[in-house]
């Protein structure tokens, strides 16, 4: 849908169908009253996608050897019965 110009009476009568048309096909509608622009109706602006890549750079520190780090002492399910913390 392109940019359309409708008068306020037509917009009032066809408001829901015009909004559905904007939602499906895009475009804008300028509503006029006595030939003067009153309002412009269009789809909302979509936020630009921002990649999360690099967002934690310089904020956290990762240990050098994560594979050999033993955290079994932190988990109850892995603890042997009778073993204290």
PDB file of N, CA and C in Angstrom:
ATOM      1  N   UNK A   1       0.848  -1.175   0.000  1.00  0.00           N
ATOM      2  CA  UNK A   1       0.000   0.000   0.000  1.00  0.00           C
ATOM      3  C   UNK A   1       0.892   1.237   0.000  1.00  0.00           C
ATOM      4  N   UNK A   2       0.530   2.207  -0.773  1.00  0.00           N
ATOM      5  CA  UNK A   2       1.277   3.454  -0.842  1.00  0.00           C
ATOM      6  C   UNK A   2       0.728   4.439   0.188  1.00  0.00           C
ATOM      7  N   UNK A   3       1.227   5.618   0.096  1.00  0.00           N
ATOM      8  CA  UNK A   3       0.734   6.704   0.937  1.00  0.00           C
ATOM      9  C   UNK A   3      -0.637   7.136   0.400  1.00  0.00           C
ATOM     10  N   UNK A   4      -1.639   7.080   1.269  1.00  0.00           N
ATOM     11  CA  UNK A   4      -2.991   7.481   0.852  1.00  0.00           C
ATOM     12  C   UNK A   4      -3.417   8.721   1.611  1.00  0.00           C
ATOM     13  N   UNK A   5      -4.309   9.470   1.000  1.00  0.00           N
ATOM     14  CA  UNK A   5      -4.886  10.651   1.644  1.00  0.00           C
ATOM     15  C   UNK A   5      -6.396  10.444   1.696  1.00  0.00           C
ATOM     16  N   UNK A   6      -6.948  10.487   2.905  1.00  0.00           N
ATOM     17  CA  UNK A   6      -8.397  10.329   3.079  1.00  0.00           C
ATOM     18  C   UNK A   6      -8.901  11.461   3.961  1.00  0.00           C
ATOM     19  N   UNK A   7     -10.155  11.837   3.750  1.00  0.00           N
ATOM     20  CA  UNK A   7     -10.702  12.883   4.613  1.00  0.00           C
ATOM     21  C   UNK A   7     -11.184  12.259   5.922  1.00  0.00           C
ATOM     22  N   UNK A   8     -11.420  13.084   6.897  1.00  0.00           N
ATOM     23  CA  UNK A   8     -11.732  12.623   8.230  1.00  0.00           C
ATOM     24  C   UNK A   8     -13.035  11.807   8.268  1.00  0.00           C
ATOM     25  N   UNK A   9     -14.005  12.155   7.430  1.00  0.00           N
ATOM     26  CA  UNK A   9     -15.266  11.419   7.399  1.00  0.00           C
ATOM     27  C   UNK A   9     -15.056   9.995   6.894  1.00  0.00           C
ATOM     28  N   UNK A  10     -14.270   9.848   5.831  1.00  0.00           N
ATOM     29  CA  UNK A  10     -13.965   8.513   5.301  1.00  0.00           C
ATOM     30  C   UNK A  10     -13.149   7.709   6.305  1.00  0.00           C
ATOM     31  N   UNK A  11     -12.180   8.357   6.946  1.00  0.00           N
ATOM     32  CA  UNK A  11     -11.357   7.665   7.941  1.00  0.00           C
ATOM     33  C   UNK A  11     -12.222   7.153   9.087  1.00  0.00           C
ATOM     34  N   UNK A  12     -13.171   7.977   9.539  1.00  0.00           N
ATOM     35  CA  UNK A  12     -14.057   7.583  10.628  1.00  0.00           C
ATOM     36  C   UNK A  12     -14.902   6.369  10.228  1.00  0.00           C
ATOM     37  N   UNK A  13     -15.384   6.360   9.011  1.00  0.00           N
ATOM     38  CA  UNK A  13     -16.242   5.273   8.540  1.00  0.00           C
ATOM     39  C   UNK A  13     -15.472   3.981   8.294  1.00  0.00           C
ATOM     40  N   UNK A  14     -14.212   4.088   7.866  1.00  0.00           N
ATOM     41  CA  UNK A  14     -13.433   2.907   7.467  1.00  0.00           C
ATOM     42  C   UNK A  14     -12.194   2.689   8.328  1.00  0.00           C
ATOM     43  N   UNK A  15     -12.180   3.223   9.506  1.00  0.00           N
ATOM     44  CA  UNK A  15     -10.986   3.226  10.353  1.00  0.00           C
ATOM     45  C   UNK A  15     -10.387   1.829  10.541  1.00  0.00           C
ATOM     46  N   UNK A  16     -11.189   0.871  10.971  1.00  0.00           N
ATOM     47  CA  UNK A  16     -10.652  -0.463  11.258  1.00  0.00           C
ATOM     48  C   UNK A  16     -10.101  -1.148  10.012  1.00  0.00           C
ATOM     49  N   UNK A  17     -10.787  -1.032   8.881  1.00  0.00           N
ATOM     50  CA  UNK A  17     -10.281  -1.674   7.669  1.00  0.00           C
ATOM     51  C   UNK A  17      -9.015  -0.972   7.170  1.00  0.00           C
ATOM     52  N   UNK A  18      -8.948   0.346   7.315  1.00  0.00           N
ATOM     53  CA  UNK A  18      -7.729   1.061   6.922  1.00  0.00           C
ATOM     54  C   UNK A  18      -6.547   0.659   7.792  1.00  0.00           C
ATOM     55  N   UNK A  19      -6.778   0.504   9.099  1.00  0.00           N
ATOM     56  CA  UNK A  19      -5.702   0.081  10.000  1.00  0.00           C
ATOM     57  C   UNK A  19      -5.271  -1.352   9.710  1.00  0.00           C
ATOM     58  N   UNK A  20      -6.222  -2.228   9.393  1.00  0.00           N
ATOM     59  CA  UNK A  20      -5.866  -3.594   9.005  1.00  0.00           C
ATOM     60  C   UNK A  20      -5.024  -3.596   7.742  1.00  0.00           C
ATOM     61  N   UNK A  21      -5.374  -2.747   6.802  1.00  0.00           N
ATOM     62  CA  UNK A  21      -4.631  -2.646   5.554  1.00  0.00           C
ATOM     63  C   UNK A  21      -3.197  -2.172   5.804  1.00  0.00           C
ATOM     64  N   UNK A  22      -3.030  -1.226   6.693  1.00  0.00           N
ATOM     65  CA  UNK A  22      -1.688  -0.757   7.049  1.00  0.00           C
ATOM     66  C   UNK A  22      -0.899  -1.889   7.704  1.00  0.00           C
ATOM     67  N   UNK A  23      -1.556  -2.626   8.581  1.00  0.00           N
ATOM     68  CA  UNK A  23      -0.878  -3.730   9.264  1.00  0.00           C
ATOM     69  C   UNK A  23      -0.417  -4.817   8.312  1.00  0.00           C
ATOM     70  N   UNK A  24      -1.172  -5.097   7.277  1.00  0.00           N
ATOM     71  CA  UNK A  24      -0.833  -6.160   6.339  1.00  0.00           C
ATOM     72  C   UNK A  24       0.110  -5.695   5.232  1.00  0.00           C
ATOM     73  N   UNK A  25      -0.142  -4.511   4.693  1.00  0.00           N
ATOM     74  CA  UNK A  25       0.601  -4.063   3.513  1.00  0.00           C
ATOM     75  C   UNK A  25       1.568  -2.914   3.764  1.00  0.00           C
ATOM     76  N   UNK A  26       1.532  -2.332   4.942  1.00  0.00           N
ATOM     77  CA  UNK A  26       2.393  -1.194   5.230  1.00  0.00           C
ATOM     78  C   UNK A  26       1.844   0.076   4.605  1.00  0.00           C
ATOM     79  N   UNK A  27       2.650   1.087   4.521  1.00  0.00           N
ATOM     80  CA  UNK A  27       2.236   2.362   3.952  1.00  0.00           C
ATOM     81  C   UNK A  27       1.759   3.332   5.027  1.00  0.00           C
ATOM     82  N   UNK A  28       1.300   4.470   4.591  1.00  0.00           N
ATOM     83  CA  UNK A  28       0.830   5.509   5.508  1.00  0.00           C
ATOM     84  C   UNK A  28      -0.466   6.105   4.992  1.00  0.00           C
ATOM     85  N   UNK A  29      -1.230   6.657   5.897  1.00  0.00           N
ATOM     86  CA  UNK A  29      -2.470   7.352   5.557  1.00  0.00           C
ATOM     87  C   UNK A  29      -2.412   8.732   6.183  1.00  0.00           C
ATOM     88  N   UNK A  30      -2.669   9.748   5.377  1.00  0.00           N
ATOM     89  CA  UNK A  30      -2.792  11.105   5.891  1.00  0.00           C
ATOM     90  C   UNK A  30      -4.276  11.432   5.962  1.00  0.00           C
ATOM     91  N   UNK A  31      -4.729  11.807   7.145  1.00  0.00           N
ATOM     92  CA  UNK A  31      -6.124  12.163   7.359  1.00  0.00           C
ATOM     93  C   UNK A  31      -6.238  13.679   7.241  1.00  0.00           C
ATOM     94  N   UNK A  32      -7.176  14.132   6.407  1.00  0.00           N
ATOM     95  CA  UNK A  32      -7.344  15.563   6.190  1.00  0.00           C
ATOM     96  C   UNK A  32      -8.719  16.024   6.664  1.00  0.00           C
ATOM     97  N   UNK A  33      -8.779  17.294   7.011  1.00  0.00           N
ATOM     98  CA  UNK A  33     -10.046  17.924   7.379  1.00  0.00           C
ATOM     99  C   UNK A  33     -10.103  19.236   6.609  1.00  0.00           C
ATOM    100  N   UNK A  34     -11.087  19.318   5.734  1.00  0.00           N
ATOM    101  CA  UNK A  34     -11.250  20.485   4.848  1.00  0.00           C
ATOM    102  C   UNK A  34      -9.993  20.745   4.015  1.00  0.00           C
ATOM    103  N   UNK A  35      -9.373  19.646   3.592  1.00  0.00           N
ATOM    104  CA  UNK A  35      -8.216  19.746   2.708  1.00  0.00           C
ATOM    105  C   UNK A  35      -6.884  19.956   3.399  1.00  0.00           C
ATOM    106  N   UNK A  36      -6.887  20.153   4.718  1.00  0.00           N
ATOM    107  CA  UNK A  36      -5.632  20.364   5.448  1.00  0.00           C
ATOM    108  C   UNK A  36      -5.266  19.099   6.216  1.00  0.00           C
ATOM    109  N   UNK A  37      -3.988  18.704   6.182  1.00  0.00           N
ATOM    110  CA  UNK A  37      -3.566  17.506   6.902  1.00  0.00           C
ATOM    111  C   UNK A  37      -3.831  17.635   8.402  1.00  0.00           C
ATOM    112  N   UNK A  38      -4.421  16.598   8.962  1.00  0.00           N
ATOM    113  CA  UNK A  38      -4.756  16.585  10.378  1.00  0.00           C
ATOM    114  C   UNK A  38      -3.862  15.601  11.141  1.00  0.00           C
ATOM    115  N   UNK A  39      -3.648  14.439  10.531  1.00  0.00           N
ATOM    116  CA  UNK A  39      -2.836  13.404  11.183  1.00  0.00           C
ATOM    117  C   UNK A  39      -2.277  12.465  10.126  1.00  0.00           C
ATOM    118  N   UNK A  40      -1.201  11.778  10.489  1.00  0.00           N
ATOM    119  CA  UNK A  40      -0.631  10.742   9.642  1.00  0.00           C
ATOM    120  C   UNK A  40      -0.621   9.449  10.440  1.00  0.00           C
ATOM    121  N   UNK A  41      -1.133   8.397   9.824  1.00  0.00           N
ATOM    122  CA  UNK A  41      -1.216   7.095  10.485  1.00  0.00           C
ATOM    123  C   UNK A  41      -0.334   6.129   9.717  1.00  0.00           C
ATOM    124  N   UNK A  42       0.490   5.358  10.437  1.00  0.00           N
ATOM    125  CA  UNK A  42       1.375   4.395   9.793  1.00  0.00           C
ATOM    126  C   UNK A  42       1.768   3.297  10.755  1.00  0.00           C
ATOM    127  N   UNK A  43       2.474   2.297  10.263  1.00  0.00           N
ATOM    128  CA  UNK A  43       2.916   1.201  11.120  1.00  0.00           C
ATOM    129  C   UNK A  43       3.975   1.678  12.119  1.00  0.00           C
ATOM    130  N   UNK A  44       4.091   1.010  13.257  1.00  0.00           N
ATOM    131  CA  UNK A  44       5.110   1.411  14.231  1.00  0.00           C
ATOM    132  C   UNK A  44       6.510   1.113  13.700  1.00  0.00           C
ATOM    133  N   UNK A  45       7.470   1.868  14.165  1.00  0.00           N
ATOM    134  CA  UNK A  45       8.856   1.629  13.771  1.00  0.00           C
ATOM    135  C   UNK A  45       9.350   0.374  14.477  1.00  0.00           C
ATOM    136  N   UNK A  46      10.018  -0.476  13.726  1.00  0.00           N
ATOM    137  CA  UNK A  46      10.582  -1.694  14.280  1.00  0.00           C
ATOM    138  C   UNK A  46      11.952  -1.379  14.868  1.00  0.00           C
ATOM    139  N   UNK A  47      12.222  -1.851  16.085  1.00  0.00           N
ATOM    140  CA  UNK A  47      13.551  -1.590  16.643  1.00  0.00           C
ATOM    141  C   UNK A  47      14.626  -2.320  15.835  1.00  0.00           C
ATOM    142  N   UNK A  48      15.760  -1.673  15.677  1.00  0.00           N
ATOM    143  CA  UNK A  48      16.854  -2.289  14.943  1.00  0.00           C
ATOM    144  C   UNK A  48      17.438  -3.416  15.769  1.00  0.00           C
ATOM    145  N   UNK A  49      17.787  -4.517  15.098  1.00  0.00           N
ATOM    146  CA  UNK A  49      18.374  -5.666  15.769  1.00  0.00           C
ATOM    147  C   UNK A  49      19.805  -5.331  16.179  1.00  0.00           C
ATOM    148  N   UNK A  50      20.093  -5.560  17.437  1.00  0.00           N
ATOM    149  CA  UNK A  50      21.447  -5.334  17.925  1.00  0.00           C
ATOM    150  C   UNK A  50      22.006  -6.677  18.359  1.00  0.00           C
ATOM    151  N   UNK A  51      23.078  -7.091  17.736  1.00  0.00           N
ATOM    152  CA  UNK A  51      23.686  -8.373  18.033  1.00  0.00           C
ATOM    153  C   UNK A  51      24.271  -8.366  19.443  1.00  0.00           C
ATOM    154  N   UNK A  52      24.061  -9.449  20.201  1.00  0.00           N
ATOM    155  CA  UNK A  52      24.635  -9.525  21.543  1.00  0.00           C
ATOM    156  C   UNK A  52      26.132  -9.840  21.534  1.00  0.00           C
ATOM    157  N   UNK A  53      26.677 -10.094  20.357  1.00  0.00           N
ATOM    158  CA  UNK A  53      28.097 -10.443  20.256  1.00  0.00           C
ATOM    159  C   UNK A  53      28.972  -9.318  20.800  1.00  0.00           C
ATOM    160  N   UNK A  54      29.842  -9.655  21.710  1.00  0.00           N
ATOM    161  CA  UNK A  54      30.773  -8.699  22.277  1.00  0.00           C
ATOM    162  C   UNK A  54      30.202  -7.839  23.393  1.00  0.00           C
ATOM    163  N   UNK A  55      28.957  -8.073  23.785  1.00  0.00           N
ATOM    164  CA  UNK A  55      28.356  -7.217  24.805  1.00  0.00           C
ATOM    165  C   UNK A  55      28.971  -7.435  26.188  1.00  0.00           C
ATOM    166  N   UNK A  56      29.580  -8.598  26.434  1.00  0.00           N
ATOM    167  CA  UNK A  56      30.213  -8.866  27.730  1.00  0.00           C
ATOM    168  C   UNK A  56      31.727  -8.635  27.680  1.00  0.00           C
ATOM    169  N   UNK A  57      32.235  -8.175  26.566  1.00  0.00           N
ATOM    170  CA  UNK A  57      33.677  -7.969  26.421  1.00  0.00           C
ATOM    171  C   UNK A  57      34.181  -6.966  27.454  1.00  0.00           C
ATOM    172  N   UNK A  58      35.187  -7.361  28.212  1.00  0.00           N
ATOM    173  CA  UNK A  58      35.789  -6.489  29.206  1.00  0.00           C
ATOM    174  C   UNK A  58      35.006  -6.407  30.509  1.00  0.00           C
ATOM    175  N   UNK A  59      33.882  -7.092  30.625  1.00  0.00           N
ATOM    176  CA  UNK A  59      33.069  -7.021  31.845  1.00  0.00           C
ATOM    177  C   UNK A  59      33.222  -8.250  32.737  1.00  0.00           C
ATOM    178  N   UNK A  60      33.580  -9.381  32.137  1.00  0.00           N
ATOM    179  CA  UNK A  60      33.738 -10.599  32.923  1.00  0.00           C
ATOM    180  C   UNK A  60      35.088 -11.225  32.612  1.00  0.00           C
ATOM    181  N   UNK A  61      35.501 -12.082  33.500  1.00  0.00           N
ATOM    182  CA  UNK A  61      36.756 -12.789  33.293  1.00  0.00           C
ATOM    183  C   UNK A  61      36.464 -14.279  33.338  1.00  0.00           C
ATOM    184  N   UNK A  62      36.929 -15.002  32.343  1.00  0.00           N
ATOM    185  CA  UNK A  62      36.704 -16.440  32.260  1.00  0.00           C
ATOM    186  C   UNK A  62      37.993 -17.140  32.664  1.00  0.00           C
ATOM    187  N   UNK A  63      37.835 -18.123  33.551  1.00  0.00           N
ATOM    188  CA  UNK A  63      39.006 -18.878  34.003  1.00  0.00           C
ATOM    189  C   UNK A  63      39.652 -19.587  32.819  1.00  0.00           C
ATOM    190  N   UNK A  64      40.968 -19.761  32.912  1.00  0.00           N
ATOM    191  CA  UNK A  64      41.706 -20.364  31.803  1.00  0.00           C
ATOM    192  C   UNK A  64      41.299 -21.811  31.537  1.00  0.00           C
ATOM    193  N   UNK A  65      41.101 -22.587  32.604  1.00  0.00           N
ATOM    194  CA  UNK A  65      40.857 -24.012  32.421  1.00  0.00           C
ATOM    195  C   UNK A  65      39.497 -24.382  33.017  1.00  0.00           C
ATOM    196  N   UNK A  66      38.453 -24.243  32.253  1.00  0.00           N
ATOM    197  CA  UNK A  66      37.106 -24.542  32.740  1.00  0.00           C
ATOM    198  C   UNK A  66      36.809 -26.031  32.777  1.00  0.00           C
ATOM    199  N   UNK A  67      37.473 -26.815  31.944  1.00  0.00           N
ATOM    200  CA  UNK A  67      37.182 -28.240  31.861  1.00  0.00           C
ATOM    201  C   UNK A  67      37.632 -29.008  33.095  1.00  0.00           C
ATOM    202  N   UNK A  68      38.708 -28.601  33.725  1.00  0.00           N
ATOM    203  CA  UNK A  68      39.221 -29.359  34.865  1.00  0.00           C
ATOM    204  C   UNK A  68      38.747 -28.801  36.207  1.00  0.00           C
ATOM    205  N   UNK A  69      37.967 -27.732  36.201  1.00  0.00           N
ATOM    206  CA  UNK A  69      37.482 -27.160  37.441  1.00  0.00           C
ATOM    207  C   UNK A  69      36.425 -28.057  38.045  1.00  0.00           C
ATOM    208  N   UNK A  70      36.607 -28.462  39.269  1.00  0.00           N
ATOM    209  CA  UNK A  70      35.707 -29.407  39.941  1.00  0.00           C
ATOM    210  C   UNK A  70      34.738 -28.640  40.828  1.00  0.00           C
ATOM    211  N   UNK A  71      33.458 -28.719  40.514  1.00  0.00           N
ATOM    212  CA  UNK A  71      32.439 -28.059  41.322  1.00  0.00           C
ATOM    213  C   UNK A  71      31.527 -29.063  42.007  1.00  0.00           C
ATOM    214  N   UNK A  72      31.924 -30.330  42.039  1.00  0.00           N
ATOM    215  CA  UNK A  72      31.056 -31.363  42.609  1.00  0.00           C
ATOM    216  C   UNK A  72      30.791 -31.144  44.095  1.00  0.00           C
ATOM    217  N   UNK A  73      31.701 -30.450  44.800  1.00  0.00           N
ATOM    218  CA  UNK A  73      31.486 -30.205  46.221  1.00  0.00           C
ATOM    219  C   UNK A  73      30.347 -29.219  46.468  1.00  0.00           C
ATOM    220  N   UNK A  74      29.893 -28.529  45.421  1.00  0.00           N
ATOM    221  CA  UNK A  74      28.827 -27.557  45.563  1.00  0.00           C
ATOM    222  C   UNK A  74      27.433 -28.175  45.400  1.00  0.00           C
ATOM    223  N   UNK A  75      27.357 -29.386  44.918  1.00  0.00           N
ATOM    224  CA  UNK A  75      26.072 -29.990  44.587  1.00  0.00           C
ATOM    225  C   UNK A  75      25.711 -31.111  45.568  1.00  0.00           C
ATOM    226  N   UNK A  76      24.549 -31.011  46.199  1.00  0.00           N
ATOM    227  CA  UNK A  76      24.086 -32.028  47.146  1.00  0.00           C
ATOM    228  C   UNK A  76      23.909 -33.385  46.475  1.00  0.00           C
ATOM    229  N   UNK A  77      23.440 -33.407  45.264  1.00  0.00           N
ATOM    230  CA  UNK A  77      23.164 -34.665  44.575  1.00  0.00           C
ATOM    231  C   UNK A  77      24.457 -35.454  44.330  1.00  0.00           C
ATOM    232  N   UNK A  78      25.582 -34.805  44.233  1.00  0.00           N
ATOM    233  CA  UNK A  78      26.839 -35.475  43.963  1.00  0.00           C
ATOM    234  C   UNK A  78      27.601 -35.835  45.240  1.00  0.00           C
ATOM    235  N   UNK A  79      27.167 -35.270  46.364  1.00  0.00           N
ATOM    236  CA  UNK A  79      27.816 -35.537  47.636  1.00  0.00           C
ATOM    237  C   UNK A  79      27.513 -36.930  48.128  1.00  0.00           C
ATOM    238  N   UNK A  80      28.488 -37.592  48.704  1.00  0.00           N
ATOM    239  CA  UNK A  80      28.263 -38.883  49.319  1.00  0.00           C
ATOM    240  C   UNK A  80      27.510 -38.679  50.609  1.00  0.00           C
ATOM    241  N   UNK A  81      26.700 -39.642  50.995  1.00  0.00           N
ATOM    242  CA  UNK A  81      25.928 -39.508  52.227  1.00  0.00           C
ATOM    243  C   UNK A  81      26.865 -39.463  53.433  1.00  0.00           C
ATOM    244  N   UNK A  82      26.546 -38.600  54.367  1.00  0.00           N
ATOM    245  CA  UNK A  82      27.335 -38.448  55.562  1.00  0.00           C
ATOM    246  C   UNK A  82      28.505 -37.486  55.406  1.00  0.00           C
ATOM    247  N   UNK A  83      28.748 -36.991  54.212  1.00  0.00           N
ATOM    248  CA  UNK A  83      29.852 -36.078  53.967  1.00  0.00           C
ATOM    249  C   UNK A  83      29.448 -34.662  54.346  1.00  0.00           C
ATOM    250  N   UNK A  84      30.271 -33.972  55.093  1.00  0.00           N
ATOM    251  CA  UNK A  84      29.990 -32.610  55.510  1.00  0.00           C
ATOM    252  C   UNK A  84      30.439 -31.623  54.433  1.00  0.00           C
ATOM    253  N   UNK A  85      29.902 -30.433  54.557  1.00  0.00           N
ATOM    254  CA  UNK A  85      30.248 -29.370  53.612  1.00  0.00           C
ATOM    255  C   UNK A  85      31.587 -28.843  53.874  1.00  0.00           C
TER     256      UNK A  85
END
